[in-house]
Amino acid sequence: MIRRFVWRNDHHLFRRKDGASDKEIFSGFHKDVSATIYDLDHWNSDAWDPLTYGREYDFSRPFFAQFRELLYTVPWPAKSVQRMVNSDYCDQAGGFKNCYLCFSGDGTENSAYMVYGGYSRDSFDGYEVRQSELCYEDVMVDESYRTFFSLDCESCTDVWFSRDLIGCNHCFGCVGLRKKSYHIFNQPYSKEDYFEKIKEFNLGSYARVMELKKKSVDFWDTCPVKFIHGLQNTNSTGEHMHNTKNVHASFDIHGGENMKFCQFIAPPASDSYDYSNWGAGISQMYECMTCGEECSEMKFCFESWPSSRALEYSAFCRSSSDLFGCVGMKKKQYCILNKQYSKEEYHALRGKIIAHMNEMPYTDTQGRVYTYGEFFPSEFSPFAYNETIAQDFFPLTKEEAEEKGYLWRESEKREYQTTTRAENLPDHIQDVPDDILKEIIECVSCKRAYRIIPMELQFYRHISLPLPHLCPNCRFRERFKFVNPPKLWKAKCQCVGKMSQNGVYTNAVTHKSHIPSTPCPNEFETSYKPGRPEIVYCESCYQQEVI
């Protein structure tokens, strides 16, 4: 999984030169990547022909060595996007409209700083926010409206600083509620008293928001969580699962069937192993990264989509079938190393190459051996480890990454002359002048520069939210602390009869699933790492507490 993850840059854009015009463009690839990068319009055009880079297969050299040469010779598209409208500063996306620094999603409008999820609008600073509107600083929030600073909520309206709510409205600092209204820290209020209390909170103040955020997160840890973030799953194991059947050891699957060791999949998807990122009508995918939209029978591929079939060891290919070791091919069939063959020639040569890959494997700089059946070596990736989702989920220091053979690239610090520091911003949104749009602000954490854009300021004023004191990257890292890793640990239910194992939570009801005075015997696999502060209950104990 990590080997695939080092081929995925999720939320970084870089300035570099376009290989055709020499103009400066934004790309998902750093300027030090040695490939030729074309602006998307030029790459998609007929101005160049990937077949001109074709070459004969050399049986005196390992396949992977030959593929690497081809990979860095054929031009790449600057970004991985389609159907975009006024969303130039976005990547790994489709169907965005009026978006800024949004990544890895589809169908989002009038939003900024969103990563994963999709089909949301007028929302900011979210991770895995789906089909929602007017949301801010949320993680794993679906089908919700005006939901702020919240985690793992579904079908909610006007919810603040809450976790694990379903079908709730007008709740503040709550956890584990179902179809409740007018609750503050899980205590019921009258409608009138609720709104009076919300007014007292003074949510337009940055200082008050920080206080309330800490109080809410501390309160969250006093209530049990289910061992998995998931709903409507049948015979499935993993984390962040929704509407799955026979899906195992997988992460962030929304609508999948008969899959294992897969991550970040949008429906529909089926019959796949070791597959990461996308979905949207895929089947029979194995060891692929960022391949989707009606693709099938693909193995060991990267950034190859849509409507492709039977591709192997290929990258940046579009709407093609029966390719082996190809790069940048569009609407082609029966090609190997970008050279055209007849159907019969293709299948005969493909068989010989597979045998040769096993007879003459490739050995990387760490001594790892690659035969047919292995994904691309990590050292072929254009991304540094710290530019990828591998670093997000499995962070390493520079020394640790380089010891494991990964590339590390220090982020380029652009020398902006900041005009103000974040701690000097007005505390309350009502005191923020229009001139804030001209300011270059120094982040309180990383000290890098960031700005407030017009639609962002309009949103803060509409909702009455204070200006952020962190830059977009630091805000992302703060949200990401609430995202469990795609890794499972064996654990036992922490219900020990009448209360939780740590003595913090007293059960609301007597659990019928086991003897009340004895610990729950249920065991499971969970993404909550041992030692974390959450109180983790099995399905049965959790349901008896929240339903």
Protein backbone atom coordinates (compact mmCIF):
# COMPACT_ATOMS: atom_id res chain seq x y z
CA MET A 1 0.00 0.00 0.00
CA ILE A 2 2.76 2.44 0.90
CA ARG A 3 4.52 1.59 -2.36
CA ARG A 4 1.41 2.77 -4.20
CA PHE A 5 0.94 5.75 -1.88
CA VAL A 6 4.32 7.23 -2.83
CA TRP A 7 2.85 7.66 -6.32
CA ARG A 8 0.09 9.98 -5.11
CA ASN A 9 0.43 13.71 -4.50
CA ASP A 10 -2.90 14.70 -3.04
CA HIS A 11 -2.75 18.36 -2.13
CA HIS A 12 0.39 20.10 -3.37
CA LEU A 13 0.79 22.34 -6.43
CA PHE A 14 4.10 23.54 -7.82
CA ARG A 15 5.18 26.23 -10.24
CA ARG A 16 7.22 24.94 -13.18
CA LYS A 17 7.81 25.58 -16.88
CA ASP A 18 5.50 24.17 -19.54
CA GLY A 19 7.51 21.89 -21.83
CA ALA A 20 5.86 23.24 -24.98
CA SER A 21 5.59 27.00 -24.42
CA ASP A 22 8.15 27.54 -21.63
CA LYS A 23 5.52 29.56 -19.77
CA GLU A 24 5.11 29.16 -16.03
CA ILE A 25 2.26 26.81 -15.10
CA PHE A 26 0.96 25.09 -11.99
CA SER A 27 1.47 21.35 -11.81
CA GLY A 28 1.27 18.45 -9.42
CA PHE A 29 4.92 17.74 -10.29
CA HIS A 30 7.80 19.65 -8.74
CA LYS A 31 10.08 21.65 -11.03
CA ASP A 32 12.95 19.26 -10.24
CA VAL A 33 11.09 16.28 -11.77
CA SER A 34 13.06 15.52 -14.93
CA ALA A 35 10.05 14.69 -17.13
CA THR A 36 8.65 17.00 -19.81
CA ILE A 37 5.38 18.46 -18.49
CA TYR A 38 2.76 19.89 -20.85
CA ASP A 39 -0.09 22.21 -19.99
CA LEU A 40 -3.25 20.10 -19.99
CA ASP A 41 -4.72 21.63 -23.15
CA HIS A 42 -1.55 20.96 -25.11
CA TRP A 43 -1.14 17.46 -23.68
CA ASN A 44 -4.71 16.56 -24.65
CA SER A 45 -4.28 17.95 -28.18
CA ASP A 46 -3.02 16.29 -31.37
CA ALA A 47 0.08 18.53 -31.39
CA TRP A 48 2.21 15.58 -30.33
CA ASP A 49 2.06 11.82 -30.88
CA PRO A 50 3.05 9.35 -28.13
CA LEU A 51 3.75 6.69 -30.78
CA THR A 52 6.82 8.65 -31.91
CA TYR A 53 8.44 7.63 -28.61
CA GLY A 54 7.92 3.93 -29.32
CA ARG A 55 10.82 1.50 -29.09
CA GLU A 56 11.67 -2.17 -29.51
CA TYR A 57 11.81 -4.33 -26.42
CA ASP A 58 15.39 -5.16 -25.41
CA PHE A 59 15.70 -8.67 -23.98
CA SER A 60 19.23 -7.90 -22.72
CA ARG A 61 17.90 -5.50 -20.07
CA PRO A 62 15.27 -5.73 -17.29
CA PHE A 63 11.79 -4.54 -18.25
CA PHE A 64 11.59 -2.00 -15.42
CA ALA A 65 14.79 -0.28 -16.52
CA GLN A 66 13.36 0.13 -20.02
CA PHE A 67 10.01 1.34 -18.74
CA ARG A 68 11.64 3.95 -16.52
CA GLU A 69 13.45 5.43 -19.52
CA LEU A 70 10.22 5.60 -21.50
CA LEU A 71 8.30 7.01 -18.54
CA TYR A 72 10.63 10.01 -18.23
CA THR A 73 10.84 10.57 -21.99
CA VAL A 74 7.16 10.77 -22.95
CA PRO A 75 5.49 14.09 -21.90
CA TRP A 76 3.13 14.09 -18.91
CA PRO A 77 0.02 16.21 -18.30
CA ALA A 78 0.60 18.98 -15.76
CA LYS A 79 -2.44 18.01 -13.72
CA SER A 80 -4.93 15.16 -13.43
CA VAL A 81 -8.24 16.96 -13.96
CA GLN A 82 -11.26 16.97 -16.26
CA ARG A 83 -14.42 19.03 -16.72
CA MET A 84 -13.10 21.96 -14.68
CA VAL A 85 -14.60 25.47 -14.68
CA ASN A 86 -12.71 28.42 -13.18
CA SER A 87 -10.71 26.07 -10.95
CA ASP A 88 -7.14 26.44 -12.17
CA TYR A 89 -5.54 25.95 -8.75
CA CYS A 90 -6.93 22.45 -8.20
CA ASP A 91 -5.70 18.94 -9.02
CA GLN A 92 -6.75 15.28 -8.96
CA ALA A 93 -10.32 16.32 -9.59
CA GLY A 94 -13.26 16.43 -11.97
CA GLY A 95 -16.30 18.63 -12.34
CA PHE A 96 -15.10 21.45 -10.09
CA LYS A 97 -16.56 24.92 -10.55
CA ASN A 98 -15.24 28.11 -8.95
CA CYS A 99 -12.91 26.22 -6.62
CA TYR A 100 -9.54 27.18 -5.20
CA LEU A 101 -6.94 24.76 -3.80
CA CYS A 102 -9.37 21.87 -3.76
CA PHE A 103 -8.04 18.38 -4.43
CA SER A 104 -9.10 14.78 -4.94
CA GLY A 105 -12.82 15.03 -5.49
CA ASP A 106 -15.62 15.54 -7.95
CA GLY A 107 -18.52 17.92 -8.44
CA THR A 108 -17.53 20.58 -5.89
CA GLU A 109 -18.57 24.22 -6.37
CA ASN A 110 -17.69 27.62 -4.88
CA SER A 111 -15.29 26.13 -2.33
CA ALA A 112 -11.69 26.27 -1.19
CA TYR A 113 -9.18 24.12 0.71
CA MET A 114 -11.20 20.90 0.38
CA VAL A 115 -9.45 17.52 0.12
CA TYR A 116 -11.32 14.35 -0.85
CA GLY A 117 -15.08 14.06 -0.88
CA GLY A 118 -17.16 15.88 -3.42
CA TYR A 119 -20.51 17.13 -4.64
CA SER A 120 -20.41 19.87 -2.02
CA ARG A 121 -20.77 23.60 -2.41
CA ASP A 122 -19.94 26.82 -0.61
CA SER A 123 -17.70 24.97 1.84
CA PHE A 124 -14.17 25.50 3.11
CA ASP A 125 -11.40 23.57 4.84
CA GLY A 126 -12.88 20.10 4.75
CA TYR A 127 -11.52 16.57 4.51
CA GLU A 128 -13.88 13.91 3.17
CA VAL A 129 -16.92 16.17 3.02
CA ARG A 130 -19.57 14.82 0.66
CA GLN A 131 -22.86 16.18 -0.65
CA SER A 132 -22.86 19.02 1.85
CA GLU A 133 -23.32 22.79 1.82
CA LEU A 134 -22.05 25.72 3.88
CA CYS A 135 -19.68 23.58 5.90
CA TYR A 136 -16.37 24.52 7.51
CA GLU A 137 -13.48 22.68 9.18
CA ASP A 138 -15.14 19.27 8.96
CA VAL A 139 -13.78 15.73 8.66
CA MET A 140 -15.89 12.88 7.29
CA VAL A 141 -19.17 14.78 7.05
CA ASP A 142 -21.83 13.62 4.59
CA GLU A 143 -25.12 15.08 3.36
CA SER A 144 -25.07 17.94 5.85
CA TYR A 145 -25.83 21.65 5.88
CA ARG A 146 -24.17 24.32 8.01
CA THR A 147 -21.98 21.90 9.93
CA PHE A 148 -18.81 23.33 11.47
CA PHE A 149 -15.70 21.98 13.24
CA SER A 150 -17.28 18.53 13.30
CA LEU A 151 -16.20 14.92 12.76
CA ASP A 152 -18.01 11.87 11.40
CA CYS A 153 -21.48 13.37 11.04
CA GLU A 154 -24.22 12.51 8.56
CA SER A 155 -27.48 14.21 7.58
CA CYS A 156 -27.02 17.06 10.04
CA THR A 157 -28.04 20.73 10.00
CA ASP A 158 -26.66 23.60 12.06
CA VAL A 159 -24.22 21.49 14.05
CA TRP A 160 -21.07 22.81 15.75
CA PHE A 161 -18.04 21.06 17.29
CA SER A 162 -19.71 17.65 17.27
CA ARG A 163 -18.70 14.07 16.56
CA ASP A 164 -20.63 11.00 15.45
CA LEU A 165 -24.05 12.60 14.92
CA ILE A 166 -26.69 11.28 12.52
CA GLY A 167 -29.88 13.11 11.61
CA CYS A 168 -29.34 15.89 14.16
CA ASN A 169 -29.93 19.61 13.98
CA HIS A 170 -29.01 22.54 16.20
CA CYS A 171 -26.48 20.68 18.32
CA PHE A 172 -23.27 22.04 19.82
CA GLY A 173 -20.31 20.12 21.27
CA CYS A 174 -22.21 16.85 21.13
CA VAL A 175 -21.16 13.26 20.53
CA GLY A 176 -22.99 10.03 19.68
CA LEU A 177 -26.48 11.51 19.21
CA ARG A 178 -29.17 10.32 16.80
CA LYS A 179 -32.04 12.50 15.55
CA LYS A 180 -31.67 15.02 18.34
CA SER A 181 -32.25 18.78 18.34
CA TYR A 182 -31.21 21.66 20.59
CA HIS A 183 -28.50 19.89 22.57
CA ILE A 184 -25.31 21.42 23.99
CA PHE A 185 -22.62 19.02 25.20
CA ASN A 186 -25.28 16.28 25.04
CA GLN A 187 -27.67 18.15 27.33
CA PRO A 188 -31.14 19.10 26.00
CA TYR A 189 -32.25 22.74 25.88
CA SER A 190 -35.43 24.47 24.88
CA LYS A 191 -35.26 26.11 21.48
CA GLU A 192 -35.19 29.57 23.00
CA ASP A 193 -32.52 28.71 25.58
CA TYR A 194 -30.40 26.97 22.93
CA PHE A 195 -30.19 30.01 20.69
CA GLU A 196 -29.53 32.29 23.65
CA LYS A 197 -26.64 30.04 24.70
CA ILE A 198 -25.22 29.96 21.15
CA LYS A 199 -25.33 33.74 21.10
CA GLU A 200 -23.38 33.82 24.36
CA PHE A 201 -20.67 31.63 22.83
CA ASN A 202 -19.71 34.55 20.57
CA LEU A 203 -18.59 32.33 17.68
CA GLY A 204 -17.28 35.23 15.63
CA SER A 205 -14.34 35.52 18.06
CA TYR A 206 -11.18 33.55 17.30
CA ALA A 207 -10.25 33.27 20.98
CA ARG A 208 -13.68 31.88 21.90
CA VAL A 209 -13.69 29.44 18.98
CA MET A 210 -10.31 28.04 20.08
CA GLU A 211 -11.57 27.64 23.65
CA LEU A 212 -14.76 25.91 22.54
CA LYS A 213 -12.90 23.65 20.12
CA LYS A 214 -10.62 22.37 22.87
CA LYS A 215 -13.52 21.92 25.30
CA SER A 216 -15.47 19.97 22.65
CA VAL A 217 -12.60 17.68 21.68
CA ASP A 218 -11.94 16.93 25.35
CA PHE A 219 -15.63 16.10 25.79
CA TRP A 220 -15.60 13.82 22.76
CA ASP A 221 -13.07 11.56 24.50
CA THR A 222 -15.43 10.99 27.46
CA CYS A 223 -17.90 9.06 25.27
CA PRO A 224 -17.42 5.73 23.45
CA VAL A 225 -16.76 5.40 19.74
CA LYS A 226 -17.56 2.44 17.52
CA PHE A 227 -14.50 0.40 16.56
CA ILE A 228 -15.05 1.39 12.92
CA HIS A 229 -16.30 4.51 11.16
CA GLY A 230 -18.87 2.79 9.02
CA LEU A 231 -22.50 2.28 8.06
CA GLN A 232 -24.45 -0.28 6.04
CA ASN A 233 -21.63 -2.80 5.63
CA THR A 234 -22.12 -6.53 5.10
CA ASN A 235 -19.33 -9.01 5.83
CA SER A 236 -16.73 -6.24 5.62
CA THR A 237 -13.73 -5.13 7.67
CA GLY A 238 -11.67 -1.97 7.56
CA GLU A 239 -12.09 1.70 8.36
CA HIS A 240 -14.33 4.47 7.00
CA MET A 241 -16.60 2.06 5.14
CA HIS A 242 -20.06 2.80 3.79
CA ASN A 243 -22.46 0.58 1.84
CA THR A 244 -20.03 -2.29 1.21
CA LYS A 245 -20.35 -6.04 0.78
CA ASN A 246 -17.50 -8.53 1.12
CA VAL A 247 -14.86 -5.79 1.39
CA HIS A 248 -11.95 -6.53 3.71
CA ALA A 249 -8.93 -4.75 5.20
CA SER A 250 -9.84 -1.64 3.22
CA PHE A 251 -10.08 2.08 3.92
CA ASP A 252 -12.45 4.81 2.82
CA ILE A 253 -14.71 2.70 0.64
CA HIS A 254 -18.03 4.21 -0.39
CA GLY A 255 -19.97 1.54 -2.24
CA GLY A 256 -17.82 -1.50 -3.05
CA GLU A 257 -18.23 -5.23 -3.39
CA ASN A 258 -15.79 -8.14 -3.32
CA MET A 259 -12.63 -6.14 -2.63
CA LYS A 260 -9.59 -6.42 -0.39
CA PHE A 261 -6.68 -4.15 0.54
CA CYS A 262 -8.23 -1.16 -1.26
CA GLN A 263 -8.33 2.55 -0.36
CA PHE A 264 -10.20 5.72 -1.36
CA ILE A 265 -12.86 4.19 -3.61
CA ALA A 266 -15.97 5.93 -4.95
CA PRO A 267 -18.91 3.84 -6.18
CA PRO A 268 -19.45 1.69 -8.05
CA ALA A 269 -16.46 -0.60 -7.67
CA SER A 270 -16.05 -4.35 -7.47
CA ASP A 271 -13.80 -7.40 -7.66
CA SER A 272 -10.48 -5.66 -6.99
CA TYR A 273 -7.37 -6.17 -4.87
CA ASP A 274 -4.62 -3.77 -3.81
CA TYR A 275 -6.19 -0.82 -5.59
CA SER A 276 -5.98 2.81 -4.49
CA ASN A 277 -7.84 5.97 -5.46
CA TRP A 278 -10.91 6.54 -7.53
CA GLY A 279 -13.45 3.94 -8.64
CA ALA A 280 -16.51 5.28 -10.48
CA GLY A 281 -17.34 2.12 -12.36
CA ILE A 282 -14.21 0.00 -12.01
CA SER A 283 -13.87 -3.77 -11.75
CA GLN A 284 -11.07 -6.31 -11.71
CA MET A 285 -8.30 -3.87 -10.82
CA TYR A 286 -5.07 -5.04 -9.24
CA GLU A 287 -2.11 -3.01 -7.93
CA CYS A 288 -3.20 0.26 -9.56
CA MET A 289 -3.03 3.86 -8.36
CA THR A 290 -5.35 6.64 -9.60
CA CYS A 291 -7.09 4.67 -12.34
CA GLY A 292 -10.86 4.87 -12.65
CA GLU A 293 -14.07 5.84 -14.40
CA GLU A 294 -15.22 2.71 -16.24
CA CYS A 295 -11.83 0.96 -16.20
CA SER A 296 -11.47 -2.81 -15.86
CA GLU A 297 -8.97 -5.66 -15.97
CA MET A 298 -6.02 -3.38 -15.27
CA LYS A 299 -2.82 -4.34 -13.46
CA PHE A 300 0.16 -2.30 -12.20
CA CYS A 301 -0.97 1.02 -13.69
CA PHE A 302 -0.69 4.65 -12.66
CA GLU A 303 -2.83 7.65 -13.71
CA SER A 304 -4.56 5.77 -16.54
CA TRP A 305 -8.22 6.59 -17.16
CA PRO A 306 -11.05 6.70 -18.28
CA SER A 307 -12.73 3.77 -20.08
CA SER A 308 -9.62 1.67 -20.33
CA ARG A 309 -9.27 -2.11 -20.24
CA ALA A 310 -6.53 -4.71 -20.01
CA LEU A 311 -3.67 -2.28 -19.38
CA GLU A 312 -0.49 -3.46 -17.66
CA TYR A 313 2.48 -1.46 -16.41
CA SER A 314 1.25 1.73 -18.04
CA ALA A 315 1.02 5.38 -16.99
CA PHE A 316 -0.88 8.48 -18.18
CA CYS A 317 -2.85 6.47 -20.74
CA ARG A 318 -6.37 7.44 -21.79
CA SER A 319 -9.30 5.45 -23.20
CA SER A 320 -7.15 2.57 -24.41
CA SER A 321 -6.99 -1.20 -24.16
CA ASP A 322 -4.42 -3.98 -24.40
CA LEU A 323 -1.33 -1.94 -23.61
CA PHE A 324 1.84 -3.14 -21.89
CA GLY A 325 4.55 -0.81 -20.61
CA CYS A 326 3.11 2.28 -22.31
CA VAL A 327 3.09 5.98 -21.39
CA GLY A 328 0.77 8.76 -22.57
CA MET A 329 -1.21 6.70 -25.07
CA LYS A 330 -4.66 7.96 -26.11
CA LYS A 331 -7.28 5.71 -27.74
CA LYS A 332 -4.71 3.07 -28.67
CA GLN A 333 -4.68 -0.73 -28.63
CA TYR A 334 -2.06 -3.49 -28.86
CA CYS A 335 1.00 -1.40 -28.02
CA ILE A 336 4.14 -2.28 -26.04
CA LEU A 337 6.60 0.42 -24.99
CA ASN A 338 4.55 2.81 -27.16
CA LYS A 339 5.18 0.72 -30.30
CA GLN A 340 2.18 -0.49 -32.33
CA TYR A 341 1.68 -4.23 -32.97
CA SER A 342 -1.00 -6.43 -34.47
CA LYS A 343 -3.22 -8.33 -32.05
CA GLU A 344 -1.31 -11.57 -32.62
CA GLU A 345 2.09 -9.90 -32.32
CA TYR A 346 1.04 -8.11 -29.17
CA HIS A 347 -0.07 -11.21 -27.29
CA ALA A 348 2.96 -13.22 -28.37
CA LEU A 349 5.42 -10.51 -27.31
CA ARG A 350 3.56 -9.82 -24.07
CA GLY A 351 3.99 -13.48 -23.05
CA LYS A 352 7.70 -13.39 -23.83
CA ILE A 353 8.18 -10.16 -21.83
CA ILE A 354 6.42 -11.59 -18.77
CA ALA A 355 8.70 -14.63 -18.88
CA HIS A 356 11.72 -12.34 -19.31
CA MET A 357 10.68 -10.21 -16.32
CA ASN A 358 10.88 -13.32 -14.15
CA GLU A 359 14.13 -14.53 -15.70
CA MET A 360 15.83 -11.09 -15.52
CA PRO A 361 14.22 -9.20 -12.62
CA TYR A 362 14.97 -5.59 -11.71
CA THR A 363 16.78 -4.85 -8.45
CA ASP A 364 16.37 -1.41 -6.90
CA THR A 365 18.90 0.58 -4.88
CA GLN A 366 17.66 -1.04 -1.67
CA GLY A 367 18.22 -4.54 -3.04
CA ARG A 368 14.51 -5.27 -3.53
CA VAL A 369 13.78 -7.56 -6.46
CA TYR A 370 10.96 -6.82 -8.92
CA THR A 371 9.54 -9.51 -11.19
CA TYR A 372 6.23 -9.62 -13.07
CA GLY A 373 3.42 -9.05 -10.58
CA GLU A 374 5.03 -6.20 -8.65
CA PHE A 375 3.94 -2.55 -8.81
CA PHE A 376 6.49 0.03 -9.99
CA PRO A 377 9.54 0.48 -7.74
CA SER A 378 9.17 3.42 -5.37
CA GLU A 379 12.37 4.96 -6.72
CA PHE A 380 10.61 5.50 -10.07
CA SER A 381 8.04 7.83 -8.49
CA PRO A 382 8.29 11.51 -9.46
CA PHE A 383 7.21 12.51 -5.96
CA ALA A 384 9.26 12.91 -2.83
CA TYR A 385 7.93 10.88 0.08
CA ASN A 386 6.97 14.05 1.95
CA GLU A 387 4.86 15.23 -1.02
CA THR A 388 2.63 12.13 -0.97
CA ILE A 389 -0.21 10.60 0.99
CA ALA A 390 2.33 8.13 2.38
CA GLN A 391 3.69 10.98 4.50
CA ASP A 392 0.15 12.00 5.51
CA PHE A 393 -0.71 8.56 6.89
CA PHE A 394 2.72 7.14 7.75
CA PRO A 395 4.95 10.16 8.51
CA LEU A 396 8.72 9.77 8.42
CA THR A 397 11.57 12.12 9.15
CA LYS A 398 13.90 13.02 6.30
CA GLU A 399 16.51 10.62 7.69
CA GLU A 400 14.02 7.76 8.03
CA ALA A 401 12.69 8.27 4.50
CA GLU A 402 16.12 8.39 2.90
CA GLU A 403 17.24 5.32 4.85
CA LYS A 404 14.31 3.43 3.31
CA GLY A 405 15.30 4.62 -0.15
CA TYR A 406 12.64 7.30 -0.62
CA LEU A 407 13.26 10.68 -2.17
CA TRP A 408 12.89 13.66 0.18
CA ARG A 409 12.42 17.21 -1.04
CA GLU A 410 12.45 20.23 1.22
CA SER A 411 9.46 22.42 0.44
CA GLU A 412 10.38 25.54 -1.44
CA LYS A 413 9.86 28.61 0.70
CA ARG A 414 8.87 31.51 -1.46
CA GLU A 415 10.16 34.80 -0.16
CA TYR A 416 7.00 36.82 0.37
CA GLN A 417 7.22 39.98 2.41
CA THR A 418 4.42 39.47 4.91
CA THR A 419 2.45 42.55 5.87
CA THR A 420 0.96 41.28 9.12
CA ARG A 421 1.17 38.36 11.52
CA ALA A 422 -1.80 36.09 12.16
CA GLU A 423 -1.80 36.86 15.88
CA ASN A 424 -2.34 40.51 15.01
CA LEU A 425 -5.53 39.85 13.03
CA PRO A 426 -8.79 41.23 14.48
CA ASP A 427 -10.20 38.74 16.97
CA HIS A 428 -13.80 39.13 15.78
CA ILE A 429 -14.99 38.83 12.21
CA GLN A 430 -17.15 41.94 12.60
CA ASP A 431 -13.96 43.97 13.03
CA VAL A 432 -12.26 42.67 9.86
CA PRO A 433 -11.98 45.38 7.16
CA ASP A 434 -12.16 44.76 3.41
CA ASP A 435 -8.46 45.62 3.23
CA ILE A 436 -7.68 42.22 4.74
CA LEU A 437 -7.76 40.92 1.16
CA LYS A 438 -4.59 42.90 0.46
CA GLU A 439 -2.67 41.56 3.43
CA ILE A 440 -0.01 38.87 3.25
CA ILE A 441 -0.33 37.03 6.57
CA GLU A 442 2.35 35.11 8.43
CA CYS A 443 1.07 31.74 9.72
CA VAL A 444 1.38 31.32 13.50
CA SER A 445 2.70 27.78 13.07
CA CYS A 446 4.98 27.43 10.03
CA LYS A 447 5.60 31.18 9.58
CA ARG A 448 4.82 30.90 5.87
CA ALA A 449 2.68 33.42 4.03
CA TYR A 450 -0.98 33.01 3.18
CA ARG A 451 -3.85 35.23 2.10
CA ILE A 452 -7.60 35.51 2.56
CA ILE A 453 -9.39 35.29 -0.80
CA PRO A 454 -12.65 37.17 -1.54
CA MET A 455 -15.07 34.24 -1.47
CA GLU A 456 -13.45 33.03 1.75
CA LEU A 457 -13.98 36.39 3.48
CA GLN A 458 -17.56 36.48 2.23
CA PHE A 459 -18.13 33.03 3.75
CA TYR A 460 -16.66 33.99 7.13
CA ARG A 461 -18.87 37.07 7.27
CA HIS A 462 -21.98 35.16 6.20
CA ILE A 463 -21.55 32.48 8.86
CA SER A 464 -19.90 34.85 11.39
CA LEU A 465 -16.65 32.92 11.72
CA PRO A 466 -13.27 34.40 12.69
CA LEU A 467 -10.31 34.53 10.34
CA PRO A 468 -7.99 31.50 10.54
CA HIS A 469 -4.56 32.00 12.07
CA LEU A 470 -3.03 29.04 10.24
CA CYS A 471 -2.14 28.75 6.56
CA PRO A 472 -4.08 26.22 4.44
CA ASN A 473 -1.39 23.51 4.80
CA CYS A 474 -1.25 23.84 8.58
CA ARG A 475 -5.06 23.81 8.77
CA PHE A 476 -5.02 20.58 6.74
CA ARG A 477 -2.58 18.98 9.17
CA GLU A 478 -4.75 19.97 12.12
CA ARG A 479 -7.81 18.34 10.54
CA PHE A 480 -5.83 15.29 9.53
CA LYS A 481 -5.12 14.47 13.19
CA PHE A 482 -8.70 13.16 13.33
CA VAL A 483 -8.25 10.78 10.37
CA ASN A 484 -7.44 7.22 11.36
CA PRO A 485 -4.73 5.50 9.31
CA PRO A 486 -5.49 2.70 6.83
CA LYS A 487 -4.09 0.16 9.26
CA LEU A 488 -5.83 -2.28 11.61
CA TRP A 489 -4.92 -3.47 15.11
CA LYS A 490 -6.44 -6.37 17.01
CA ALA A 491 -8.34 -5.10 20.03
CA LYS A 492 -10.98 -5.93 22.62
CA CYS A 493 -14.12 -4.00 23.45
CA GLN A 494 -13.38 -1.50 26.24
CA CYS A 495 -16.76 -1.98 27.92
CA VAL A 496 -16.08 -3.73 31.25
CA GLY A 497 -19.66 -4.08 32.44
CA LYS A 498 -21.20 -0.92 33.78
CA MET A 499 -18.54 1.47 32.49
CA SER A 500 -15.59 1.88 30.18
CA GLN A 501 -12.25 0.27 30.91
CA ASN A 502 -10.65 3.61 31.79
CA GLY A 503 -13.49 4.51 34.17
CA VAL A 504 -14.32 7.74 32.33
CA TYR A 505 -17.68 6.70 30.86
CA THR A 506 -20.60 5.12 32.71
CA ASN A 507 -22.94 3.12 30.48
CA ALA A 508 -26.40 4.59 30.03
CA VAL A 509 -28.09 1.18 29.89
CA THR A 510 -27.43 -2.40 30.95
CA HIS A 511 -25.89 -4.20 28.02
CA LYS A 512 -27.78 -7.33 27.09
CA SER A 513 -24.91 -8.70 24.99
CA HIS A 514 -22.91 -9.85 28.05
CA ILE A 515 -23.12 -10.23 31.81
CA PRO A 516 -23.36 -6.68 33.24
CA SER A 517 -20.64 -7.20 35.86
CA THR A 518 -18.07 -8.66 33.44
CA PRO A 519 -16.03 -7.21 30.58
CA CYS A 520 -17.44 -7.55 27.09
CA PRO A 521 -15.71 -10.54 25.40
CA ASN A 522 -15.96 -9.18 21.84
CA GLU A 523 -12.77 -8.79 19.83
CA PHE A 524 -12.27 -6.96 16.54
CA GLU A 525 -9.81 -5.23 14.26
CA THR A 526 -9.80 -1.45 14.53
CA SER A 527 -7.95 1.55 13.13
CA TYR A 528 -7.75 3.05 16.63
CA LYS A 529 -4.12 2.47 17.60
CA PRO A 530 -3.57 1.08 21.11
CA GLY A 531 -2.92 3.87 23.61
CA ARG A 532 -5.14 6.45 21.96
CA PRO A 533 -7.56 8.35 24.24
CA GLU A 534 -10.78 7.17 22.55
CA ILE A 535 -13.05 4.71 24.35
CA VAL A 536 -13.53 1.99 21.72
CA TYR A 537 -16.65 -0.20 21.93
CA CYS A 538 -17.72 -3.15 19.81
CA GLU A 539 -20.74 -2.84 17.54
CA SER A 540 -23.16 -4.30 20.09
CA CYS A 541 -22.07 -2.21 23.10
CA TYR A 542 -21.84 0.94 21.01
CA GLN A 543 -25.31 0.54 19.52
CA GLN A 544 -26.88 0.03 22.94
CA GLU A 545 -25.34 3.32 24.08
CA VAL A 546 -26.20 5.58 21.13
CA ILE A 547 -29.51 4.24 19.82
